[in-house]
Amino acid sequence: MDWEHLSRQSFGDRELEKELLALFSAQAAAFAARLAEPAQEGDGRREIAHQLQGSARAIGAFALANAAQDYENASTAAADDCAARRRALLDRLDETRRAIAARLEGR
């Protein structure tokens, strides 16, 4: 997480940062649940990855944004590659959510 980026985005307003992180965390939980489900043709996973990428960049979660972009790009690739990218995205999403939770708890 790039906490300085988040601070710039929120103009240094810590309460706004907390609100943005809480909103992102809730959105990320919903995305994780959708991505963890078995894939089906036309299930919108590419769109989910695209939305997640934009949201992650906005708060400074650049590693997560990159993983989302990799998954989005791989969504038309071979099934094995796509599955590996999905696992990597879910791992990065979990790491980001833990970092956000620690930040919100003041750790």
PDB file of N, CA and C in Angstrom:
ATOM      1  N   MET A   1       0.840  -1.188   0.000  1.00  0.00           N
ATOM      2  CA  MET A   1       0.000   0.000   0.000  1.00  0.00           C
ATOM      3  C   MET A   1       0.879   1.243   0.000  1.00  0.00           C
ATOM      4  N   ASP A   2       0.484   2.175  -0.814  1.00  0.00           N
ATOM      5  CA  ASP A   2       1.164   3.469  -0.852  1.00  0.00           C
ATOM      6  C   ASP A   2       0.320   4.443  -0.036  1.00  0.00           C
ATOM      7  N   TRP A   3       0.642   4.526   1.254  1.00  0.00           N
ATOM      8  CA  TRP A   3      -0.157   5.358   2.154  1.00  0.00           C
ATOM      9  C   TRP A   3      -0.012   6.843   1.816  1.00  0.00           C
ATOM     10  N   GLU A   4       1.132   7.234   1.279  1.00  0.00           N
ATOM     11  CA  GLU A   4       1.310   8.636   0.881  1.00  0.00           C
ATOM     12  C   GLU A   4       0.369   8.997  -0.265  1.00  0.00           C
ATOM     13  N   HIS A   5       0.193   8.070  -1.195  1.00  0.00           N
ATOM     14  CA  HIS A   5      -0.749   8.303  -2.297  1.00  0.00           C
ATOM     15  C   HIS A   5      -2.158   8.502  -1.744  1.00  0.00           C
ATOM     16  N   LEU A   6      -2.551   7.646  -0.826  1.00  0.00           N
ATOM     17  CA  LEU A   6      -3.876   7.774  -0.218  1.00  0.00           C
ATOM     18  C   LEU A   6      -4.016   9.120   0.478  1.00  0.00           C
ATOM     19  N   SER A   7      -2.979   9.541   1.166  1.00  0.00           N
ATOM     20  CA  SER A   7      -3.016  10.830   1.850  1.00  0.00           C
ATOM     21  C   SER A   7      -3.184  11.978   0.853  1.00  0.00           C
ATOM     22  N   ARG A   8      -2.497  11.883  -0.281  1.00  0.00           N
ATOM     23  CA  ARG A   8      -2.667  12.919  -1.312  1.00  0.00           C
ATOM     24  C   ARG A   8      -4.084  12.899  -1.874  1.00  0.00           C
ATOM     25  N   GLN A   9      -4.612  11.707  -2.101  1.00  0.00           N
ATOM     26  CA  GLN A   9      -5.968  11.577  -2.647  1.00  0.00           C
ATOM     27  C   GLN A   9      -7.010  12.163  -1.698  1.00  0.00           C
ATOM     28  N   SER A  10      -6.760  12.047  -0.404  1.00  0.00           N
ATOM     29  CA  SER A  10      -7.719  12.519   0.606  1.00  0.00           C
ATOM     30  C   SER A  10      -7.358  13.906   1.139  1.00  0.00           C
ATOM     31  N   PHE A  11      -6.352  14.541   0.524  1.00  0.00           N
ATOM     32  CA  PHE A  11      -5.898  15.868   0.964  1.00  0.00           C
ATOM     33  C   PHE A  11      -5.494  15.868   2.438  1.00  0.00           C
ATOM     34  N   GLY A  12      -4.962  14.720   2.898  1.00  0.00           N
ATOM     35  CA  GLY A  12      -4.488  14.607   4.271  1.00  0.00           C
ATOM     36  C   GLY A  12      -5.577  14.452   5.316  1.00  0.00           C
ATOM     37  N   ASP A  13      -6.798  14.277   4.888  1.00  0.00           N
ATOM     38  CA  ASP A  13      -7.936  14.138   5.806  1.00  0.00           C
ATOM     39  C   ASP A  13      -8.016  12.685   6.276  1.00  0.00           C
ATOM     40  N   ARG A  14      -7.581  12.423   7.506  1.00  0.00           N
ATOM     41  CA  ARG A  14      -7.530  11.047   8.035  1.00  0.00           C
ATOM     42  C   ARG A  14      -8.912  10.404   8.121  1.00  0.00           C
ATOM     43  N   GLU A  15      -9.922  11.185   8.446  1.00  0.00           N
ATOM     44  CA  GLU A  15     -11.280  10.625   8.512  1.00  0.00           C
ATOM     45  C   GLU A  15     -11.750  10.190   7.127  1.00  0.00           C
ATOM     46  N   LEU A  16     -11.433  10.989   6.121  1.00  0.00           N
ATOM     47  CA  LEU A  16     -11.780  10.614   4.749  1.00  0.00           C
ATOM     48  C   LEU A  16     -11.016   9.363   4.335  1.00  0.00           C
ATOM     49  N   GLU A  17      -9.749   9.274   4.721  1.00  0.00           N
ATOM     50  CA  GLU A  17      -8.965   8.072   4.432  1.00  0.00           C
ATOM     51  C   GLU A  17      -9.631   6.835   5.029  1.00  0.00           C
ATOM     52  N   LYS A  18     -10.042   6.938   6.284  1.00  0.00           N
ATOM     53  CA  LYS A  18     -10.701   5.803   6.942  1.00  0.00           C
ATOM     54  C   LYS A  18     -11.978   5.419   6.210  1.00  0.00           C
ATOM     55  N   GLU A  19     -12.740   6.418   5.794  1.00  0.00           N
ATOM     56  CA  GLU A  19     -13.986   6.149   5.073  1.00  0.00           C
ATOM     57  C   GLU A  19     -13.695   5.475   3.729  1.00  0.00           C
ATOM     58  N   LEU A  20     -12.702   5.980   3.006  1.00  0.00           N
ATOM     59  CA  LEU A  20     -12.339   5.384   1.720  1.00  0.00           C
ATOM     60  C   LEU A  20     -11.863   3.946   1.891  1.00  0.00           C
ATOM     61  N   LEU A  21     -11.044   3.712   2.913  1.00  0.00           N
ATOM     62  CA  LEU A  21     -10.541   2.361   3.156  1.00  0.00           C
ATOM     63  C   LEU A  21     -11.658   1.406   3.555  1.00  0.00           C
ATOM     64  N   ALA A  22     -12.585   1.871   4.371  1.00  0.00           N
ATOM     65  CA  ALA A  22     -13.712   1.025   4.772  1.00  0.00           C
ATOM     66  C   ALA A  22     -14.586   0.686   3.570  1.00  0.00           C
ATOM     67  N   LEU A  23     -14.847   1.667   2.719  1.00  0.00           N
ATOM     68  CA  LEU A  23     -15.641   1.418   1.512  1.00  0.00           C
ATOM     69  C   LEU A  23     -14.924   0.447   0.586  1.00  0.00           C
ATOM     70  N   PHE A  24     -13.630   0.659   0.403  1.00  0.00           N
ATOM     71  CA  PHE A  24     -12.863  -0.233  -0.455  1.00  0.00           C
ATOM     72  C   PHE A  24     -12.864  -1.647   0.103  1.00  0.00           C
ATOM     73  N   SER A  25     -12.687  -1.773   1.400  1.00  0.00           N
ATOM     74  CA  SER A  25     -12.644  -3.089   2.029  1.00  0.00           C
ATOM     75  C   SER A  25     -13.952  -3.848   1.821  1.00  0.00           C
ATOM     76  N   ALA A  26     -15.068  -3.155   1.957  1.00  0.00           N
ATOM     77  CA  ALA A  26     -16.370  -3.793   1.727  1.00  0.00           C
ATOM     78  C   ALA A  26     -16.512  -4.208   0.266  1.00  0.00           C
ATOM     79  N   GLN A  27     -16.112  -3.331  -0.635  1.00  0.00           N
ATOM     80  CA  GLN A  27     -16.173  -3.639  -2.062  1.00  0.00           C
ATOM     81  C   GLN A  27     -15.252  -4.818  -2.383  1.00  0.00           C
ATOM     82  N   ALA A  28     -14.072  -4.821  -1.803  1.00  0.00           N
ATOM     83  CA  ALA A  28     -13.107  -5.886  -2.046  1.00  0.00           C
ATOM     84  C   ALA A  28     -13.628  -7.232  -1.560  1.00  0.00           C
ATOM     85  N   ALA A  29     -14.333  -7.244  -0.442  1.00  0.00           N
ATOM     86  CA  ALA A  29     -14.912  -8.494   0.066  1.00  0.00           C
ATOM     87  C   ALA A  29     -15.926  -9.052  -0.926  1.00  0.00           C
ATOM     88  N   ALA A  30     -16.739  -8.181  -1.494  1.00  0.00           N
ATOM     89  CA  ALA A  30     -17.728  -8.621  -2.487  1.00  0.00           C
ATOM     90  C   ALA A  30     -17.029  -9.142  -3.742  1.00  0.00           C
ATOM     91  N   PHE A  31     -15.987  -8.444  -4.176  1.00  0.00           N
ATOM     92  CA  PHE A  31     -15.239  -8.894  -5.351  1.00  0.00           C
ATOM     93  C   PHE A  31     -14.589 -10.246  -5.089  1.00  0.00           C
ATOM     94  N   ALA A  32     -14.000 -10.412  -3.910  1.00  0.00           N
ATOM     95  CA  ALA A  32     -13.337 -11.674  -3.573  1.00  0.00           C
ATOM     96  C   ALA A  32     -14.333 -12.828  -3.601  1.00  0.00           C
ATOM     97  N   ALA A  33     -15.515 -12.602  -3.075  1.00  0.00           N
ATOM     98  CA  ALA A  33     -16.540 -13.650  -3.076  1.00  0.00           C
ATOM     99  C   ALA A  33     -16.919 -14.038  -4.501  1.00  0.00           C
ATOM    100  N   ARG A  34     -17.082 -13.050  -5.361  1.00  0.00           N
ATOM    101  CA  ARG A  34     -17.443 -13.337  -6.758  1.00  0.00           C
ATOM    102  C   ARG A  34     -16.315 -14.063  -7.479  1.00  0.00           C
ATOM    103  N   LEU A  35     -15.086 -13.634  -7.243  1.00  0.00           N
ATOM    104  CA  LEU A  35     -13.947 -14.256  -7.921  1.00  0.00           C
ATOM    105  C   LEU A  35     -13.680 -15.668  -7.420  1.00  0.00           C
ATOM    106  N   ALA A  36     -14.059 -15.966  -6.185  1.00  0.00           N
ATOM    107  CA  ALA A  36     -13.828 -17.293  -5.616  1.00  0.00           C
ATOM    108  C   ALA A  36     -14.824 -18.329  -6.125  1.00  0.00           C
ATOM    109  N   GLU A  37     -15.930 -17.876  -6.694  1.00  0.00           N
ATOM    110  CA  GLU A  37     -16.935 -18.801  -7.223  1.00  0.00           C
ATOM    111  C   GLU A  37     -16.407 -19.468  -8.493  1.00  0.00           C
ATOM    112  N   PRO A  38     -16.924 -20.659  -8.812  1.00  0.00           N
ATOM    113  CA  PRO A  38     -16.520 -21.302 -10.068  1.00  0.00           C
ATOM    114  C   PRO A  38     -16.850 -20.399 -11.261  1.00  0.00           C
ATOM    115  N   ALA A  39     -15.916 -20.338 -12.204  1.00  0.00           N
ATOM    116  CA  ALA A  39     -16.091 -19.466 -13.375  1.00  0.00           C
ATOM    117  C   ALA A  39     -17.156 -20.020 -14.310  1.00  0.00           C
ATOM    118  N   GLN A  40     -17.897 -19.094 -14.887  1.00  0.00           N
ATOM    119  CA  GLN A  40     -18.878 -19.439 -15.908  1.00  0.00           C
ATOM    120  C   GLN A  40     -18.731 -18.445 -17.046  1.00  0.00           C
ATOM    121  N   GLU A  41     -19.037 -18.883 -18.237  1.00  0.00           N
ATOM    122  CA  GLU A  41     -18.951 -18.014 -19.406  1.00  0.00           C
ATOM    123  C   GLU A  41     -19.791 -16.767 -19.194  1.00  0.00           C
ATOM    124  N   GLY A  42     -19.194 -15.622 -19.445  1.00  0.00           N
ATOM    125  CA  GLY A  42     -19.933 -14.363 -19.359  1.00  0.00           C
ATOM    126  C   GLY A  42     -20.338 -13.959 -17.957  1.00  0.00           C
ATOM    127  N   ASP A  43     -19.580 -14.389 -16.937  1.00  0.00           N
ATOM    128  CA  ASP A  43     -19.975 -14.097 -15.552  1.00  0.00           C
ATOM    129  C   ASP A  43     -19.491 -12.741 -15.053  1.00  0.00           C
ATOM    130  N   GLY A  44     -18.854 -11.961 -15.911  1.00  0.00           N
ATOM    131  CA  GLY A  44     -18.465 -10.614 -15.537  1.00  0.00           C
ATOM    132  C   GLY A  44     -17.165 -10.497 -14.776  1.00  0.00           C
ATOM    133  N   ARG A  45     -16.375 -11.549 -14.726  1.00  0.00           N
ATOM    134  CA  ARG A  45     -15.115 -11.491 -13.975  1.00  0.00           C
ATOM    135  C   ARG A  45     -14.157 -10.447 -14.533  1.00  0.00           C
ATOM    136  N   ARG A  46     -14.140 -10.307 -15.838  1.00  0.00           N
ATOM    137  CA  ARG A  46     -13.247  -9.306 -16.440  1.00  0.00           C
ATOM    138  C   ARG A  46     -13.650  -7.906 -15.978  1.00  0.00           C
ATOM    139  N   GLU A  47     -14.942  -7.651 -15.927  1.00  0.00           N
ATOM    140  CA  GLU A  47     -15.435  -6.352 -15.471  1.00  0.00           C
ATOM    141  C   GLU A  47     -15.122  -6.137 -13.989  1.00  0.00           C
ATOM    142  N   ILE A  48     -15.246  -7.205 -13.202  1.00  0.00           N
ATOM    143  CA  ILE A  48     -14.906  -7.119 -11.776  1.00  0.00           C
ATOM    144  C   ILE A  48     -13.434  -6.737 -11.623  1.00  0.00           C
ATOM    145  N   ALA A  49     -12.577  -7.411 -12.371  1.00  0.00           N
ATOM    146  CA  ALA A  49     -11.144  -7.118 -12.297  1.00  0.00           C
ATOM    147  C   ALA A  49     -10.867  -5.677 -12.711  1.00  0.00           C
ATOM    148  N   HIS A  50     -11.568  -5.207 -13.729  1.00  0.00           N
ATOM    149  CA  HIS A  50     -11.371  -3.833 -14.192  1.00  0.00           C
ATOM    150  C   HIS A  50     -11.799  -2.829 -13.118  1.00  0.00           C
ATOM    151  N   GLN A  51     -12.943  -3.068 -12.504  1.00  0.00           N
ATOM    152  CA  GLN A  51     -13.418  -2.185 -11.429  1.00  0.00           C
ATOM    153  C   GLN A  51     -12.458  -2.212 -10.243  1.00  0.00           C
ATOM    154  N   LEU A  52     -12.016  -3.395  -9.889  1.00  0.00           N
ATOM    155  CA  LEU A  52     -11.088  -3.543  -8.771  1.00  0.00           C
ATOM    156  C   LEU A  52      -9.779  -2.812  -9.056  1.00  0.00           C
ATOM    157  N   GLN A  53      -9.314  -2.916 -10.286  1.00  0.00           N
ATOM    158  CA  GLN A  53      -8.081  -2.235 -10.678  1.00  0.00           C
ATOM    159  C   GLN A  53      -8.200  -0.722 -10.455  1.00  0.00           C
ATOM    160  N   GLY A  54      -9.282  -0.130 -10.909  1.00  0.00           N
ATOM    161  CA  GLY A  54      -9.470   1.311 -10.749  1.00  0.00           C
ATOM    162  C   GLY A  54      -9.585   1.723  -9.297  1.00  0.00           C
ATOM    163  N   SER A  55     -10.353   0.981  -8.535  1.00  0.00           N
ATOM    164  CA  SER A  55     -10.529   1.292  -7.113  1.00  0.00           C
ATOM    165  C   SER A  55      -9.217   1.157  -6.354  1.00  0.00           C
ATOM    166  N   ALA A  56      -8.467   0.110  -6.666  1.00  0.00           N
ATOM    167  CA  ALA A  56      -7.194  -0.129  -5.984  1.00  0.00           C
ATOM    168  C   ALA A  56      -6.196   0.990  -6.281  1.00  0.00           C
ATOM    169  N   ARG A  57      -6.128   1.412  -7.523  1.00  0.00           N
ATOM    170  CA  ARG A  57      -5.209   2.509  -7.873  1.00  0.00           C
ATOM    171  C   ARG A  57      -5.587   3.789  -7.137  1.00  0.00           C
ATOM    172  N   ALA A  58      -6.873   4.035  -6.992  1.00  0.00           N
ATOM    173  CA  ALA A  58      -7.336   5.264  -6.343  1.00  0.00           C
ATOM    174  C   ALA A  58      -6.870   5.364  -4.895  1.00  0.00           C
ATOM    175  N   ILE A  59      -6.767   4.226  -4.200  1.00  0.00           N
ATOM    176  CA  ILE A  59      -6.366   4.273  -2.788  1.00  0.00           C
ATOM    177  C   ILE A  59      -4.888   3.964  -2.577  1.00  0.00           C
ATOM    178  N   GLY A  60      -4.164   3.681  -3.653  1.00  0.00           N
ATOM    179  CA  GLY A  60      -2.737   3.407  -3.520  1.00  0.00           C
ATOM    180  C   GLY A  60      -2.379   1.943  -3.379  1.00  0.00           C
ATOM    181  N   ALA A  61      -3.300   1.053  -3.702  1.00  0.00           N
ATOM    182  CA  ALA A  61      -3.028  -0.386  -3.650  1.00  0.00           C
ATOM    183  C   ALA A  61      -2.538  -0.835  -5.029  1.00  0.00           C
ATOM    184  N   PHE A  62      -1.345  -0.372  -5.384  1.00  0.00           N
ATOM    185  CA  PHE A  62      -0.850  -0.563  -6.740  1.00  0.00           C
ATOM    186  C   PHE A  62      -0.526  -2.016  -7.066  1.00  0.00           C
ATOM    187  N   ALA A  63      -0.015  -2.776  -6.112  1.00  0.00           N
ATOM    188  CA  ALA A  63       0.269  -4.194  -6.368  1.00  0.00           C
ATOM    189  C   ALA A  63      -1.027  -4.947  -6.660  1.00  0.00           C
ATOM    190  N   LEU A  64      -2.084  -4.624  -5.931  1.00  0.00           N
ATOM    191  CA  LEU A  64      -3.386  -5.237  -6.187  1.00  0.00           C
ATOM    192  C   LEU A  64      -3.907  -4.811  -7.552  1.00  0.00           C
ATOM    193  N   ALA A  65      -3.770  -3.541  -7.881  1.00  0.00           N
ATOM    194  CA  ALA A  65      -4.224  -3.050  -9.186  1.00  0.00           C
ATOM    195  C   ALA A  65      -3.504  -3.779 -10.315  1.00  0.00           C
ATOM    196  N   ASN A  66      -2.213  -4.001 -10.149  1.00  0.00           N
ATOM    197  CA  ASN A  66      -1.447  -4.718 -11.174  1.00  0.00           C
ATOM    198  C   ASN A  66      -1.908  -6.167 -11.299  1.00  0.00           C
ATOM    199  N   ALA A  67      -2.196  -6.806 -10.171  1.00  0.00           N
ATOM    200  CA  ALA A  67      -2.693  -8.185 -10.206  1.00  0.00           C
ATOM    201  C   ALA A  67      -4.059  -8.241 -10.883  1.00  0.00           C
ATOM    202  N   ALA A  68      -4.896  -7.253 -10.625  1.00  0.00           N
ATOM    203  CA  ALA A  68      -6.212  -7.196 -11.271  1.00  0.00           C
ATOM    204  C   ALA A  68      -6.061  -6.999 -12.772  1.00  0.00           C
ATOM    205  N   GLN A  69      -5.123  -6.160 -13.162  1.00  0.00           N
ATOM    206  CA  GLN A  69      -4.883  -5.941 -14.588  1.00  0.00           C
ATOM    207  C   GLN A  69      -4.363  -7.219 -15.247  1.00  0.00           C
ATOM    208  N   ASP A  70      -3.452  -7.917 -14.576  1.00  0.00           N
ATOM    209  CA  ASP A  70      -2.944  -9.189 -15.101  1.00  0.00           C
ATOM    210  C   ASP A  70      -4.082 -10.182 -15.296  1.00  0.00           C
ATOM    211  N   TYR A  71      -4.972 -10.269 -14.313  1.00  0.00           N
ATOM    212  CA  TYR A  71      -6.104 -11.190 -14.421  1.00  0.00           C
ATOM    213  C   TYR A  71      -7.036 -10.761 -15.552  1.00  0.00           C
ATOM    214  N   GLU A  72      -7.313  -9.472 -15.631  1.00  0.00           N
ATOM    215  CA  GLU A  72      -8.185  -8.969 -16.697  1.00  0.00           C
ATOM    216  C   GLU A  72      -7.597  -9.319 -18.065  1.00  0.00           C
ATOM    217  N   ASN A  73      -6.308  -9.111 -18.229  1.00  0.00           N
ATOM    218  CA  ASN A  73      -5.652  -9.422 -19.500  1.00  0.00           C
ATOM    219  C   ASN A  73      -5.635 -10.920 -19.780  1.00  0.00           C
ATOM    220  N   ALA A  74      -5.537 -11.737 -18.732  1.00  0.00           N
ATOM    221  CA  ALA A  74      -5.473 -13.190 -18.901  1.00  0.00           C
ATOM    222  C   ALA A  74      -6.847 -13.823 -19.052  1.00  0.00           C
ATOM    223  N   SER A  75      -7.902 -13.048 -18.875  1.00  0.00           N
ATOM    224  CA  SER A  75      -9.244 -13.637 -18.885  1.00  0.00           C
ATOM    225  C   SER A  75      -9.603 -14.257 -20.227  1.00  0.00           C
ATOM    226  N   THR A  76      -8.877 -13.900 -21.271  1.00  0.00           N
ATOM    227  CA  THR A  76      -9.120 -14.520 -22.573  1.00  0.00           C
ATOM    228  C   THR A  76      -8.031 -15.530 -22.917  1.00  0.00           C
ATOM    229  N   ALA A  77      -7.108 -15.770 -21.990  1.00  0.00           N
ATOM    230  CA  ALA A  77      -5.986 -16.687 -22.222  1.00  0.00           C
ATOM    231  C   ALA A  77      -6.397 -18.120 -21.875  1.00  0.00           C
ATOM    232  N   ALA A  78      -5.430 -19.002 -21.924  1.00  0.00           N
ATOM    233  CA  ALA A  78      -5.664 -20.407 -21.586  1.00  0.00           C
ATOM    234  C   ALA A  78      -6.190 -20.522 -20.159  1.00  0.00           C
ATOM    235  N   ALA A  79      -7.000 -21.525 -19.932  1.00  0.00           N
ATOM    236  CA  ALA A  79      -7.660 -21.705 -18.633  1.00  0.00           C
ATOM    237  C   ALA A  79      -6.659 -21.802 -17.485  1.00  0.00           C
ATOM    238  N   ASP A  80      -5.553 -22.522 -17.680  1.00  0.00           N
ATOM    239  CA  ASP A  80      -4.559 -22.675 -16.610  1.00  0.00           C
ATOM    240  C   ASP A  80      -3.941 -21.338 -16.232  1.00  0.00           C
ATOM    241  N   ASP A  81      -3.592 -20.530 -17.234  1.00  0.00           N
ATOM    242  CA  ASP A  81      -2.998 -19.220 -16.976  1.00  0.00           C
ATOM    243  C   ASP A  81      -4.003 -18.319 -16.278  1.00  0.00           C
ATOM    244  N   CYS A  82      -5.224 -18.358 -16.730  1.00  0.00           N
ATOM    245  CA  CYS A  82      -6.269 -17.534 -16.124  1.00  0.00           C
ATOM    246  C   CYS A  82      -6.496 -17.943 -14.665  1.00  0.00           C
ATOM    247  N   ALA A  83      -6.508 -19.232 -14.391  1.00  0.00           N
ATOM    248  CA  ALA A  83      -6.709 -19.715 -13.019  1.00  0.00           C
ATOM    249  C   ALA A  83      -5.551 -19.294 -12.120  1.00  0.00           C
ATOM    250  N   ALA A  84      -4.334 -19.356 -12.635  1.00  0.00           N
ATOM    251  CA  ALA A  84      -3.166 -18.943 -11.849  1.00  0.00           C
ATOM    252  C   ALA A  84      -3.232 -17.450 -11.540  1.00  0.00           C
ATOM    253  N   ARG A  85      -3.641 -16.663 -12.511  1.00  0.00           N
ATOM    254  CA  ARG A  85      -3.752 -15.213 -12.296  1.00  0.00           C
ATOM    255  C   ARG A  85      -4.881 -14.900 -11.316  1.00  0.00           C
ATOM    256  N   ARG A  86      -5.948 -15.685 -11.367  1.00  0.00           N
ATOM    257  CA  ARG A  86      -7.056 -15.487 -10.427  1.00  0.00           C
ATOM    258  C   ARG A  86      -6.592 -15.774  -9.004  1.00  0.00           C
ATOM    259  N   ARG A  87      -5.844 -16.866  -8.824  1.00  0.00           N
ATOM    260  CA  ARG A  87      -5.305 -17.185  -7.492  1.00  0.00           C
ATOM    261  C   ARG A  87      -4.377 -16.069  -7.007  1.00  0.00           C
ATOM    262  N   ALA A  88      -3.522 -15.570  -7.890  1.00  0.00           N
ATOM    263  CA  ALA A  88      -2.608 -14.482  -7.523  1.00  0.00           C
ATOM    264  C   ALA A  88      -3.393 -13.230  -7.143  1.00  0.00           C
ATOM    265  N   LEU A  89      -4.453 -12.951  -7.882  1.00  0.00           N
ATOM    266  CA  LEU A  89      -5.290 -11.788  -7.578  1.00  0.00           C
ATOM    267  C   LEU A  89      -5.964 -11.953  -6.222  1.00  0.00           C
ATOM    268  N   LEU A  90      -6.512 -13.125  -5.951  1.00  0.00           N
ATOM    269  CA  LEU A  90      -7.168 -13.361  -4.662  1.00  0.00           C
ATOM    270  C   LEU A  90      -6.170 -13.258  -3.507  1.00  0.00           C
ATOM    271  N   ASP A  91      -4.944 -13.756  -3.711  1.00  0.00           N
ATOM    272  CA  ASP A  91      -3.905 -13.635  -2.677  1.00  0.00           C
ATOM    273  C   ASP A  91      -3.573 -12.174  -2.410  1.00  0.00           C
ATOM    274  N   ARG A  92      -3.384 -11.403  -3.472  1.00  0.00           N
ATOM    275  CA  ARG A  92      -3.048  -9.986  -3.330  1.00  0.00           C
ATOM    276  C   ARG A  92      -4.210  -9.226  -2.704  1.00  0.00           C
ATOM    277  N   LEU A  93      -5.421  -9.600  -3.051  1.00  0.00           N
ATOM    278  CA  LEU A  93      -6.607  -8.966  -2.471  1.00  0.00           C
ATOM    279  C   LEU A  93      -6.662  -9.226  -0.968  1.00  0.00           C
ATOM    280  N   ASP A  94      -6.350 -10.450  -0.558  1.00  0.00           N
ATOM    281  CA  ASP A  94      -6.331 -10.789   0.862  1.00  0.00           C
ATOM    282  C   ASP A  94      -5.245  -9.998   1.597  1.00  0.00           C
ATOM    283  N   GLU A  95      -4.064  -9.904   1.008  1.00  0.00           N
ATOM    284  CA  GLU A  95      -2.972  -9.126   1.619  1.00  0.00           C
ATOM    285  C   GLU A  95      -3.377  -7.662   1.789  1.00  0.00           C
ATOM    286  N   THR A  96      -4.001  -7.111   0.771  1.00  0.00           N
ATOM    287  CA  THR A  96      -4.414  -5.705   0.815  1.00  0.00           C
ATOM    288  C   THR A  96      -5.474  -5.490   1.874  1.00  0.00           C
ATOM    289  N   ARG A  97      -6.420  -6.398   1.961  1.00  0.00           N
ATOM    290  CA  ARG A  97      -7.474  -6.270   2.971  1.00  0.00           C
ATOM    291  C   ARG A  97      -6.889  -6.349   4.380  1.00  0.00           C
ATOM    292  N   ARG A  98      -5.890  -7.205   4.580  1.00  0.00           N
ATOM    293  CA  ARG A  98      -5.237  -7.285   5.893  1.00  0.00           C
ATOM    294  C   ARG A  98      -4.496  -5.993   6.215  1.00  0.00           C
ATOM    295  N   ALA A  99      -3.818  -5.418   5.231  1.00  0.00           N
ATOM    296  CA  ALA A  99      -3.103  -4.152   5.442  1.00  0.00           C
ATOM    297  C   ALA A  99      -4.082  -3.030   5.776  1.00  0.00           C
ATOM    298  N   ILE A 100      -5.207  -3.013   5.103  1.00  0.00           N
ATOM    299  CA  ILE A 100      -6.226  -1.991   5.376  1.00  0.00           C
ATOM    300  C   ILE A 100      -6.798  -2.178   6.771  1.00  0.00           C
ATOM    301  N   ALA A 101      -7.096  -3.418   7.141  1.00  0.00           N
ATOM    302  CA  ALA A 101      -7.642  -3.681   8.476  1.00  0.00           C
ATOM    303  C   ALA A 101      -6.661  -3.223   9.554  1.00  0.00           C
ATOM    304  N   ALA A 102      -5.383  -3.507   9.353  1.00  0.00           N
ATOM    305  CA  ALA A 102      -4.368  -3.075  10.323  1.00  0.00           C
ATOM    306  C   ALA A 102      -4.319  -1.555  10.404  1.00  0.00           C
ATOM    307  N   ARG A 103      -4.410  -0.902   9.280  1.00  0.00           N
ATOM    308  CA  ARG A 103      -4.384   0.572   9.260  1.00  0.00           C
ATOM    309  C   ARG A 103      -5.606   1.135   9.976  1.00  0.00           C
ATOM    310  N   LEU A 104      -6.771   0.553   9.725  1.00  0.00           N
ATOM    311  CA  LEU A 104      -7.994   1.039  10.361  1.00  0.00           C
ATOM    312  C   LEU A 104      -7.990   0.796  11.867  1.00  0.00           C
ATOM    313  N   GLU A 105      -7.292  -0.271  12.299  1.00  0.00           N
ATOM    314  CA  GLU A 105      -7.192  -0.575  13.728  1.00  0.00           C
ATOM    315  C   GLU A 105      -6.063   0.199  14.397  1.00  0.00           C
ATOM    316  N   GLY A 106      -5.327   0.987  13.616  1.00  0.00           N
ATOM    317  CA  GLY A 106      -4.261   1.809  14.174  1.00  0.00           C
ATOM    318  C   GLY A 106      -2.947   1.102  14.376  1.00  0.00           C
ATOM    319  N   ARG A 107      -2.775  -0.071  13.769  1.00  0.00           N
ATOM    320  CA  ARG A 107      -1.506  -0.806  13.902  1.00  0.00           C
ATOM    321  C   ARG A 107      -0.507  -0.319  12.900  1.00  0.00           C
TER     322      ARG A 107
END
